[in-house]
Amino acid sequence: QSAQDVATAGTFLDDISGKTVAVLAQN
């Protein structure tokens, strides 16, 4: 499901806490 996709995206950072994530998407 989509939540597993998004969680996988977060694994590209060693520690997500305190980091900034920009989301580029269509409105």
mmCIF file of all heavy atoms, coordinates in Angstrom:
data_MODEL
# 
_entry.id   MODEL 
# 
loop_
_atom_site.group_PDB 
_atom_site.id 
_atom_site.type_symbol 
_atom_site.label_atom_id 
_atom_site.label_alt_id 
_atom_site.label_comp_id 
_atom_site.label_asym_id 
_atom_site.label_entity_id 
_atom_site.label_seq_id 
_atom_site.pdbx_PDB_ins_code 
_atom_site.Cartn_x 
_atom_site.Cartn_y 
_atom_site.Cartn_z 
_atom_site.occupancy 
_atom_site.B_iso_or_equiv 
_atom_site.pdbx_formal_charge 
_atom_site.auth_seq_id 
_atom_site.auth_comp_id 
_atom_site.auth_asym_id 
_atom_site.auth_atom_id 
_atom_site.pdbx_PDB_model_num 
ATOM 1   N N   . GLN A 1 1  ? 0.838  -1.187 0.000   1.00 0.00 ? 1  GLN A N   1 
ATOM 2   C CA  . GLN A 1 1  ? 0.000  0.000  0.000   1.00 0.00 ? 1  GLN A CA  1 
ATOM 3   C C   . GLN A 1 1  ? 0.877  1.242  0.000   1.00 0.00 ? 1  GLN A C   1 
ATOM 4   O O   . GLN A 1 1  ? 2.086  1.177  0.223   1.00 0.00 ? 1  GLN A O   1 
ATOM 5   C CB  . GLN A 1 1  ? -0.933 -0.003 1.196   1.00 0.00 ? 1  GLN A CB  1 
ATOM 6   C CG  . GLN A 1 1  ? -0.239 0.023  2.557   1.00 0.00 ? 1  GLN A CG  1 
ATOM 7   C CD  . GLN A 1 1  ? -1.191 -0.233 3.701   1.00 0.00 ? 1  GLN A CD  1 
ATOM 8   O OE1 . GLN A 1 1  ? -1.570 -1.377 3.954   1.00 0.00 ? 1  GLN A OE1 1 
ATOM 9   N NE2 . GLN A 1 1  ? -1.595 0.825  4.400   1.00 0.00 ? 1  GLN A NE2 1 
ATOM 10  N N   . SER A 1 2  ? 0.256  2.402  -0.252  1.00 0.00 ? 2  SER A N   1 
ATOM 11  C CA  . SER A 1 2  ? 1.012  3.648  -0.408  1.00 0.00 ? 2  SER A CA  1 
ATOM 12  C C   . SER A 1 2  ? 1.866  3.977  0.803   1.00 0.00 ? 2  SER A C   1 
ATOM 13  O O   . SER A 1 2  ? 2.973  4.505  0.666   1.00 0.00 ? 2  SER A O   1 
ATOM 14  C CB  . SER A 1 2  ? 0.041  4.804  -0.687  1.00 0.00 ? 2  SER A CB  1 
ATOM 15  O OG  . SER A 1 2  ? -0.601 4.630  -1.929  1.00 0.00 ? 2  SER A OG  1 
ATOM 16  N N   . ALA A 1 3  ? 1.385  3.656  1.993   1.00 0.00 ? 3  ALA A N   1 
ATOM 17  C CA  . ALA A 1 3  ? 2.153  3.957  3.206   1.00 0.00 ? 3  ALA A CA  1 
ATOM 18  C C   . ALA A 1 3  ? 3.497  3.252  3.200   1.00 0.00 ? 3  ALA A C   1 
ATOM 19  O O   . ALA A 1 3  ? 4.498  3.784  3.712   1.00 0.00 ? 3  ALA A O   1 
ATOM 20  C CB  . ALA A 1 3  ? 1.353  3.565  4.450   1.00 0.00 ? 3  ALA A CB  1 
ATOM 21  N N   . GLN A 1 4  ? 3.556  2.063  2.623   1.00 0.00 ? 4  GLN A N   1 
ATOM 22  C CA  . GLN A 1 4  ? 4.826  1.350  2.551   1.00 0.00 ? 4  GLN A CA  1 
ATOM 23  C C   . GLN A 1 4  ? 5.774  2.012  1.551   1.00 0.00 ? 4  GLN A C   1 
ATOM 24  O O   . GLN A 1 4  ? 6.989  2.012  1.755   1.00 0.00 ? 4  GLN A O   1 
ATOM 25  C CB  . GLN A 1 4  ? 4.571  -0.123 2.197   1.00 0.00 ? 4  GLN A CB  1 
ATOM 26  C CG  . GLN A 1 4  ? 3.978  -0.904 3.376   1.00 0.00 ? 4  GLN A CG  1 
ATOM 27  C CD  . GLN A 1 4  ? 3.254  -2.171 2.962   1.00 0.00 ? 4  GLN A CD  1 
ATOM 28  O OE1 . GLN A 1 4  ? 2.347  -2.133 2.128   1.00 0.00 ? 4  GLN A OE1 1 
ATOM 29  N NE2 . GLN A 1 4  ? 3.639  -3.292 3.540   1.00 0.00 ? 4  GLN A NE2 1 
ATOM 30  N N   . ASP A 1 5  ? 5.225  2.584  0.497   1.00 0.00 ? 5  ASP A N   1 
ATOM 31  C CA  . ASP A 1 5  ? 6.046  3.355  -0.442  1.00 0.00 ? 5  ASP A CA  1 
ATOM 32  C C   . ASP A 1 5  ? 6.684  4.554  0.262   1.00 0.00 ? 5  ASP A C   1 
ATOM 33  O O   . ASP A 1 5  ? 7.885  4.795  0.149   1.00 0.00 ? 5  ASP A O   1 
ATOM 34  C CB  . ASP A 1 5  ? 5.191  3.870  -1.598  1.00 0.00 ? 5  ASP A CB  1 
ATOM 35  C CG  . ASP A 1 5  ? 4.781  2.778  -2.573  1.00 0.00 ? 5  ASP A CG  1 
ATOM 36  O OD1 . ASP A 1 5  ? 5.465  1.752  -2.641  1.00 0.00 ? 5  ASP A OD1 1 
ATOM 37  O OD2 . ASP A 1 5  ? 3.774  2.970  -3.270  1.00 0.00 ? 5  ASP A OD2 1 
ATOM 38  N N   . VAL A 1 6  ? 5.849  5.317  0.950   1.00 0.00 ? 6  VAL A N   1 
ATOM 39  C CA  . VAL A 1 6  ? 6.330  6.537  1.598   1.00 0.00 ? 6  VAL A CA  1 
ATOM 40  C C   . VAL A 1 6  ? 7.351  6.212  2.684   1.00 0.00 ? 6  VAL A C   1 
ATOM 41  O O   . VAL A 1 6  ? 8.389  6.885  2.811   1.00 0.00 ? 6  VAL A O   1 
ATOM 42  C CB  . VAL A 1 6  ? 5.155  7.340  2.175   1.00 0.00 ? 6  VAL A CB  1 
ATOM 43  C CG1 . VAL A 1 6  ? 5.664  8.542  2.978   1.00 0.00 ? 6  VAL A CG1 1 
ATOM 44  C CG2 . VAL A 1 6  ? 4.232  7.823  1.053   1.00 0.00 ? 6  VAL A CG2 1 
ATOM 45  N N   . ALA A 1 7  ? 7.088  5.173  3.451   1.00 0.00 ? 7  ALA A N   1 
ATOM 46  C CA  . ALA A 1 7  ? 8.034  4.772  4.489   1.00 0.00 ? 7  ALA A CA  1 
ATOM 47  C C   . ALA A 1 7  ? 9.368  4.363  3.874   1.00 0.00 ? 7  ALA A C   1 
ATOM 48  O O   . ALA A 1 7  ? 10.439 4.643  4.427   1.00 0.00 ? 7  ALA A O   1 
ATOM 49  C CB  . ALA A 1 7  ? 7.459  3.632  5.323   1.00 0.00 ? 7  ALA A CB  1 
ATOM 50  N N   . THR A 1 8  ? 9.323  3.721  2.711   1.00 0.00 ? 8  THR A N   1 
ATOM 51  C CA  . THR A 1 8  ? 10.558 3.336  2.024   1.00 0.00 ? 8  THR A CA  1 
ATOM 52  C C   . THR A 1 8  ? 11.334 4.570  1.582   1.00 0.00 ? 8  THR A C   1 
ATOM 53  O O   . THR A 1 8  ? 12.569 4.601  1.655   1.00 0.00 ? 8  THR A O   1 
ATOM 54  C CB  . THR A 1 8  ? 10.244 2.443  0.812   1.00 0.00 ? 8  THR A CB  1 
ATOM 55  O OG1 . THR A 1 8  ? 9.489  1.313  1.245   1.00 0.00 ? 8  THR A OG1 1 
ATOM 56  C CG2 . THR A 1 8  ? 11.525 1.953  0.152   1.00 0.00 ? 8  THR A CG2 1 
ATOM 57  N N   . ALA A 1 9  ? 10.635 5.609  1.133   1.00 0.00 ? 9  ALA A N   1 
ATOM 58  C CA  . ALA A 1 9  ? 11.305 6.850  0.763   1.00 0.00 ? 9  ALA A CA  1 
ATOM 59  C C   . ALA A 1 9  ? 12.117 7.394  1.930   1.00 0.00 ? 9  ALA A C   1 
ATOM 60  O O   . ALA A 1 9  ? 13.229 7.909  1.763   1.00 0.00 ? 9  ALA A O   1 
ATOM 61  C CB  . ALA A 1 9  ? 10.287 7.889  0.293   1.00 0.00 ? 9  ALA A CB  1 
ATOM 62  N N   . GLY A 1 10 ? 11.562 7.283  3.131   1.00 0.00 ? 10 GLY A N   1 
ATOM 63  C CA  . GLY A 1 10 ? 12.248 7.790  4.314   1.00 0.00 ? 10 GLY A CA  1 
ATOM 64  C C   . GLY A 1 10 ? 13.523 7.050  4.638   1.00 0.00 ? 10 GLY A C   1 
ATOM 65  O O   . GLY A 1 10 ? 14.406 7.599  5.317   1.00 0.00 ? 10 GLY A O   1 
ATOM 66  N N   . THR A 1 11 ? 13.676 5.814  4.145   1.00 0.00 ? 11 THR A N   1 
ATOM 67  C CA  . THR A 1 11 ? 14.876 5.036  4.466   1.00 0.00 ? 11 THR A CA  1 
ATOM 68  C C   . THR A 1 11 ? 16.106 5.515  3.709   1.00 0.00 ? 11 THR A C   1 
ATOM 69  O O   . THR A 1 11 ? 17.219 5.048  3.976   1.00 0.00 ? 11 THR A O   1 
ATOM 70  C CB  . THR A 1 11 ? 14.661 3.539  4.177   1.00 0.00 ? 11 THR A CB  1 
ATOM 71  O OG1 . THR A 1 11 ? 14.491 3.329  2.756   1.00 0.00 ? 11 THR A OG1 1 
ATOM 72  C CG2 . THR A 1 11 ? 13.447 2.998  4.921   1.00 0.00 ? 11 THR A CG2 1 
ATOM 73  N N   . PHE A 1 12 ? 15.923 6.448  2.774   1.00 0.00 ? 12 PHE A N   1 
ATOM 74  C CA  . PHE A 1 12 ? 17.078 6.992  2.070   1.00 0.00 ? 12 PHE A CA  1 
ATOM 75  C C   . PHE A 1 12 ? 17.858 7.974  2.945   1.00 0.00 ? 12 PHE A C   1 
ATOM 76  O O   . PHE A 1 12 ? 18.943 8.412  2.563   1.00 0.00 ? 12 PHE A O   1 
ATOM 77  C CB  . PHE A 1 12 ? 16.649 7.643  0.760   1.00 0.00 ? 12 PHE A CB  1 
ATOM 78  C CG  . PHE A 1 12 ? 16.297 6.658  -0.314  1.00 0.00 ? 12 PHE A CG  1 
ATOM 79  C CD1 . PHE A 1 12 ? 14.999 6.173  -0.439  1.00 0.00 ? 12 PHE A CD1 1 
ATOM 80  C CD2 . PHE A 1 12 ? 17.260 6.189  -1.188  1.00 0.00 ? 12 PHE A CD2 1 
ATOM 81  C CE1 . PHE A 1 12 ? 14.669 5.263  -1.422  1.00 0.00 ? 12 PHE A CE1 1 
ATOM 82  C CE2 . PHE A 1 12 ? 16.946 5.265  -2.176  1.00 0.00 ? 12 PHE A CE2 1 
ATOM 83  C CZ  . PHE A 1 12 ? 15.637 4.802  -2.292  1.00 0.00 ? 12 PHE A CZ  1 
ATOM 84  N N   . LEU A 1 13 ? 17.305 8.346  4.091   1.00 0.00 ? 13 LEU A N   1 
ATOM 85  C CA  . LEU A 1 13 ? 18.025 9.143  5.081   1.00 0.00 ? 13 LEU A CA  1 
ATOM 86  C C   . LEU A 1 13 ? 18.331 8.255  6.279   1.00 0.00 ? 13 LEU A C   1 
ATOM 87  O O   . LEU A 1 13 ? 17.482 7.481  6.718   1.00 0.00 ? 13 LEU A O   1 
ATOM 88  C CB  . LEU A 1 13 ? 17.177 10.341 5.532   1.00 0.00 ? 13 LEU A CB  1 
ATOM 89  C CG  . LEU A 1 13 ? 16.927 11.431 4.487   1.00 0.00 ? 13 LEU A CG  1 
ATOM 90  C CD1 . LEU A 1 13 ? 15.984 12.491 5.043   1.00 0.00 ? 13 LEU A CD1 1 
ATOM 91  C CD2 . LEU A 1 13 ? 18.246 12.070 4.044   1.00 0.00 ? 13 LEU A CD2 1 
ATOM 92  N N   . ASP A 1 14 ? 19.534 8.383  6.816   1.00 0.00 ? 14 ASP A N   1 
ATOM 93  C CA  . ASP A 1 14 ? 19.917 7.545  7.952   1.00 0.00 ? 14 ASP A CA  1 
ATOM 94  C C   . ASP A 1 14 ? 19.034 7.796  9.162   1.00 0.00 ? 14 ASP A C   1 
ATOM 95  O O   . ASP A 1 14 ? 18.686 6.874  9.899   1.00 0.00 ? 14 ASP A O   1 
ATOM 96  C CB  . ASP A 1 14 ? 21.387 7.793  8.321   1.00 0.00 ? 14 ASP A CB  1 
ATOM 97  C CG  . ASP A 1 14 ? 22.342 7.275  7.251   1.00 0.00 ? 14 ASP A CG  1 
ATOM 98  O OD1 . ASP A 1 14 ? 21.948 6.337  6.524   1.00 0.00 ? 14 ASP A OD1 1 
ATOM 99  O OD2 . ASP A 1 14 ? 23.458 7.808  7.143   1.00 0.00 ? 14 ASP A OD2 1 
ATOM 100 N N   . ASP A 1 15 ? 18.679 9.057  9.379   1.00 0.00 ? 15 ASP A N   1 
ATOM 101 C CA  . ASP A 1 15 ? 17.818 9.418  10.512  1.00 0.00 ? 15 ASP A CA  1 
ATOM 102 C C   . ASP A 1 15 ? 16.881 10.514 10.043  1.00 0.00 ? 15 ASP A C   1 
ATOM 103 O O   . ASP A 1 15 ? 17.313 11.627 9.743   1.00 0.00 ? 15 ASP A O   1 
ATOM 104 C CB  . ASP A 1 15 ? 18.665 9.891  11.696  1.00 0.00 ? 15 ASP A CB  1 
ATOM 105 C CG  . ASP A 1 15 ? 17.810 10.195 12.921  1.00 0.00 ? 15 ASP A CG  1 
ATOM 106 O OD1 . ASP A 1 15 ? 16.578 9.966  12.875  1.00 0.00 ? 15 ASP A OD1 1 
ATOM 107 O OD2 . ASP A 1 15 ? 18.369 10.667 13.929  1.00 0.00 ? 15 ASP A OD2 1 
ATOM 108 N N   . ILE A 1 16 ? 15.611 10.215 9.956   1.00 0.00 ? 16 ILE A N   1 
ATOM 109 C CA  . ILE A 1 16 ? 14.636 11.160 9.419   1.00 0.00 ? 16 ILE A CA  1 
ATOM 110 C C   . ILE A 1 16 ? 14.305 12.274 10.402  1.00 0.00 ? 16 ILE A C   1 
ATOM 111 O O   . ILE A 1 16 ? 13.893 13.364 10.021  1.00 0.00 ? 16 ILE A O   1 
ATOM 112 C CB  . ILE A 1 16 ? 13.351 10.417 8.994   1.00 0.00 ? 16 ILE A CB  1 
ATOM 113 C CG1 . ILE A 1 16 ? 12.518 11.277 8.027   1.00 0.00 ? 16 ILE A CG1 1 
ATOM 114 C CG2 . ILE A 1 16 ? 12.526 9.988  10.186  1.00 0.00 ? 16 ILE A CG2 1 
ATOM 115 C CD1 . ILE A 1 16 ? 13.080 11.375 6.664   1.00 0.00 ? 16 ILE A CD1 1 
ATOM 116 N N   . SER A 1 17 ? 14.504 12.021 11.698  1.00 0.00 ? 17 SER A N   1 
ATOM 117 C CA  . SER A 1 17 ? 14.145 13.010 12.719  1.00 0.00 ? 17 SER A CA  1 
ATOM 118 C C   . SER A 1 17 ? 14.947 14.296 12.549  1.00 0.00 ? 17 SER A C   1 
ATOM 119 O O   . SER A 1 17 ? 16.173 14.278 12.414  1.00 0.00 ? 17 SER A O   1 
ATOM 120 C CB  . SER A 1 17 ? 14.381 12.434 14.117  1.00 0.00 ? 17 SER A CB  1 
ATOM 121 O OG  . SER A 1 17 ? 14.041 13.377 15.110  1.00 0.00 ? 17 SER A OG  1 
ATOM 122 N N   . GLY A 1 18 ? 14.229 15.419 12.510  1.00 0.00 ? 18 GLY A N   1 
ATOM 123 C CA  . GLY A 1 18 ? 14.868 16.715 12.391  1.00 0.00 ? 18 GLY A CA  1 
ATOM 124 C C   . GLY A 1 18 ? 15.222 17.115 10.973  1.00 0.00 ? 18 GLY A C   1 
ATOM 125 O O   . GLY A 1 18 ? 15.706 18.224 10.742  1.00 0.00 ? 18 GLY A O   1 
ATOM 126 N N   . LYS A 1 19 ? 14.975 16.245 10.018  1.00 0.00 ? 19 LYS A N   1 
ATOM 127 C CA  . LYS A 1 19 ? 15.299 16.541 8.627   1.00 0.00 ? 19 LYS A CA  1 
ATOM 128 C C   . LYS A 1 19 ? 14.121 17.231 7.930   1.00 0.00 ? 19 LYS A C   1 
ATOM 129 O O   . LYS A 1 19 ? 12.976 17.150 8.367   1.00 0.00 ? 19 LYS A O   1 
ATOM 130 C CB  . LYS A 1 19 ? 15.642 15.253 7.869   1.00 0.00 ? 19 LYS A CB  1 
ATOM 131 C CG  . LYS A 1 19 ? 16.832 14.507 8.433   1.00 0.00 ? 19 LYS A CG  1 
ATOM 132 C CD  . LYS A 1 19 ? 18.092 15.325 8.374   1.00 0.00 ? 19 LYS A CD  1 
ATOM 133 C CE  . LYS A 1 19 ? 19.368 14.528 8.578   1.00 0.00 ? 19 LYS A CE  1 
ATOM 134 N NZ  . LYS A 1 19 ? 19.359 13.455 9.534   1.00 0.00 ? 19 LYS A NZ  1 
ATOM 135 N N   . THR A 1 20 ? 14.425 17.930 6.845   1.00 0.00 ? 20 THR A N   1 
ATOM 136 C CA  . THR A 1 20 ? 13.395 18.566 6.021   1.00 0.00 ? 20 THR A CA  1 
ATOM 137 C C   . THR A 1 20 ? 13.162 17.740 4.760   1.00 0.00 ? 20 THR A C   1 
ATOM 138 O O   . THR A 1 20 ? 14.123 17.388 4.061   1.00 0.00 ? 20 THR A O   1 
ATOM 139 C CB  . THR A 1 20 ? 13.817 19.988 5.616   1.00 0.00 ? 20 THR A CB  1 
ATOM 140 O OG1 . THR A 1 20 ? 13.949 20.789 6.795   1.00 0.00 ? 20 THR A OG1 1 
ATOM 141 C CG2 . THR A 1 20 ? 12.780 20.622 4.697   1.00 0.00 ? 20 THR A CG2 1 
ATOM 142 N N   . VAL A 1 21 ? 11.912 17.431 4.498   1.00 0.00 ? 21 VAL A N   1 
ATOM 143 C CA  . VAL A 1 21 ? 11.543 16.683 3.294   1.00 0.00 ? 21 VAL A CA  1 
ATOM 144 C C   . VAL A 1 21 ? 10.649 17.576 2.436   1.00 0.00 ? 21 VAL A C   1 
ATOM 145 O O   . VAL A 1 21 ? 9.586  18.012 2.886   1.00 0.00 ? 21 VAL A O   1 
ATOM 146 C CB  . VAL A 1 21 ? 10.803 15.377 3.641   1.00 0.00 ? 21 VAL A CB  1 
ATOM 147 C CG1 . VAL A 1 21 ? 10.367 14.659 2.363   1.00 0.00 ? 21 VAL A CG1 1 
ATOM 148 C CG2 . VAL A 1 21 ? 11.694 14.465 4.490   1.00 0.00 ? 21 VAL A CG2 1 
ATOM 149 N N   . ALA A 1 22 ? 11.093 17.870 1.224   1.00 0.00 ? 22 ALA A N   1 
ATOM 150 C CA  . ALA A 1 22 ? 10.257 18.614 0.284   1.00 0.00 ? 22 ALA A CA  1 
ATOM 151 C C   . ALA A 1 22 ? 9.468  17.612 -0.550  1.00 0.00 ? 22 ALA A C   1 
ATOM 152 O O   . ALA A 1 22 ? 10.002 16.575 -0.956  1.00 0.00 ? 22 ALA A O   1 
ATOM 153 C CB  . ALA A 1 22 ? 11.118 19.483 -0.621  1.00 0.00 ? 22 ALA A CB  1 
ATOM 154 N N   . VAL A 1 23 ? 8.195  17.911 -0.776  1.00 0.00 ? 23 VAL A N   1 
ATOM 155 C CA  . VAL A 1 23 ? 7.349  17.049 -1.604  1.00 0.00 ? 23 VAL A CA  1 
ATOM 156 C C   . VAL A 1 23 ? 6.958  17.830 -2.851  1.00 0.00 ? 23 VAL A C   1 
ATOM 157 O O   . VAL A 1 23 ? 6.222  18.821 -2.765  1.00 0.00 ? 23 VAL A O   1 
ATOM 158 C CB  . VAL A 1 23 ? 6.090  16.585 -0.851  1.00 0.00 ? 23 VAL A CB  1 
ATOM 159 C CG1 . VAL A 1 23 ? 5.268  15.653 -1.739  1.00 0.00 ? 23 VAL A CG1 1 
ATOM 160 C CG2 . VAL A 1 23 ? 6.466  15.893 0.453   1.00 0.00 ? 23 VAL A CG2 1 
ATOM 161 N N   . LEU A 1 24 ? 7.476  17.429 -3.997  1.00 0.00 ? 24 LEU A N   1 
ATOM 162 C CA  . LEU A 1 24 ? 7.100  18.036 -5.266  1.00 0.00 ? 24 LEU A CA  1 
ATOM 163 C C   . LEU A 1 24 ? 5.984  17.202 -5.871  1.00 0.00 ? 24 LEU A C   1 
ATOM 164 O O   . LEU A 1 24 ? 6.170  16.012 -6.162  1.00 0.00 ? 24 LEU A O   1 
ATOM 165 C CB  . LEU A 1 24 ? 8.293  18.089 -6.216  1.00 0.00 ? 24 LEU A CB  1 
ATOM 166 C CG  . LEU A 1 24 ? 8.013  18.634 -7.626  1.00 0.00 ? 24 LEU A CG  1 
ATOM 167 C CD1 . LEU A 1 24 ? 7.566  20.097 -7.558  1.00 0.00 ? 24 LEU A CD1 1 
ATOM 168 C CD2 . LEU A 1 24 ? 9.227  18.471 -8.521  1.00 0.00 ? 24 LEU A CD2 1 
ATOM 169 N N   . ALA A 1 25 ? 4.820  17.815 -6.061  1.00 0.00 ? 25 ALA A N   1 
ATOM 170 C CA  . ALA A 1 25 ? 3.658  17.054 -6.529  1.00 0.00 ? 25 ALA A CA  1 
ATOM 171 C C   . ALA A 1 25 ? 2.697  17.971 -7.265  1.00 0.00 ? 25 ALA A C   1 
ATOM 172 O O   . ALA A 1 25 ? 2.729  19.197 -7.116  1.00 0.00 ? 25 ALA A O   1 
ATOM 173 C CB  . ALA A 1 25 ? 2.947  16.392 -5.353  1.00 0.00 ? 25 ALA A CB  1 
ATOM 174 N N   . GLN A 1 26 ? 1.838  17.367 -8.062  1.00 0.00 ? 26 GLN A N   1 
ATOM 175 C CA  . GLN A 1 26 ? 0.787  18.115 -8.735  1.00 0.00 ? 26 GLN A CA  1 
ATOM 176 C C   . GLN A 1 26 ? -0.299 18.495 -7.729  1.00 0.00 ? 26 GLN A C   1 
ATOM 177 O O   . GLN A 1 26 ? -0.600 17.738 -6.795  1.00 0.00 ? 26 GLN A O   1 
ATOM 178 C CB  . GLN A 1 26 ? 0.206  17.273 -9.868  1.00 0.00 ? 26 GLN A CB  1 
ATOM 179 C CG  . GLN A 1 26 ? 1.186  17.091 -11.015 1.00 0.00 ? 26 GLN A CG  1 
ATOM 180 C CD  . GLN A 1 26 ? 1.011  15.757 -11.700 1.00 0.00 ? 26 GLN A CD  1 
ATOM 181 O OE1 . GLN A 1 26 ? 1.000  14.701 -11.064 1.00 0.00 ? 26 GLN A OE1 1 
ATOM 182 N NE2 . GLN A 1 26 ? 0.871  15.774 -13.018 1.00 0.00 ? 26 GLN A NE2 1 
ATOM 183 N N   . ASN A 1 27 ? -0.883 19.666 -7.954  1.00 0.00 ? 27 ASN A N   1 
ATOM 184 C CA  . ASN A 1 27 ? -1.900 20.168 -7.032  1.00 0.00 ? 27 ASN A CA  1 
ATOM 185 C C   . ASN A 1 27 ? -3.273 19.602 -7.421  1.00 0.00 ? 27 ASN A C   1 
ATOM 186 O O   . ASN A 1 27 ? -4.159 20.304 -7.885  1.00 0.00 ? 27 ASN A O   1 
ATOM 187 C CB  . ASN A 1 27 ? -1.920 21.693 -7.038  1.00 0.00 ? 27 ASN A CB  1 
ATOM 188 C CG  . ASN A 1 27 ? -2.707 22.256 -5.858  1.00 0.00 ? 27 ASN A CG  1 
ATOM 189 O OD1 . ASN A 1 27 ? -3.071 21.521 -4.943  1.00 0.00 ? 27 ASN A OD1 1 
ATOM 190 N ND2 . ASN A 1 27 ? -2.959 23.547 -5.876  1.00 0.00 ? 27 ASN A ND2 1 
# 
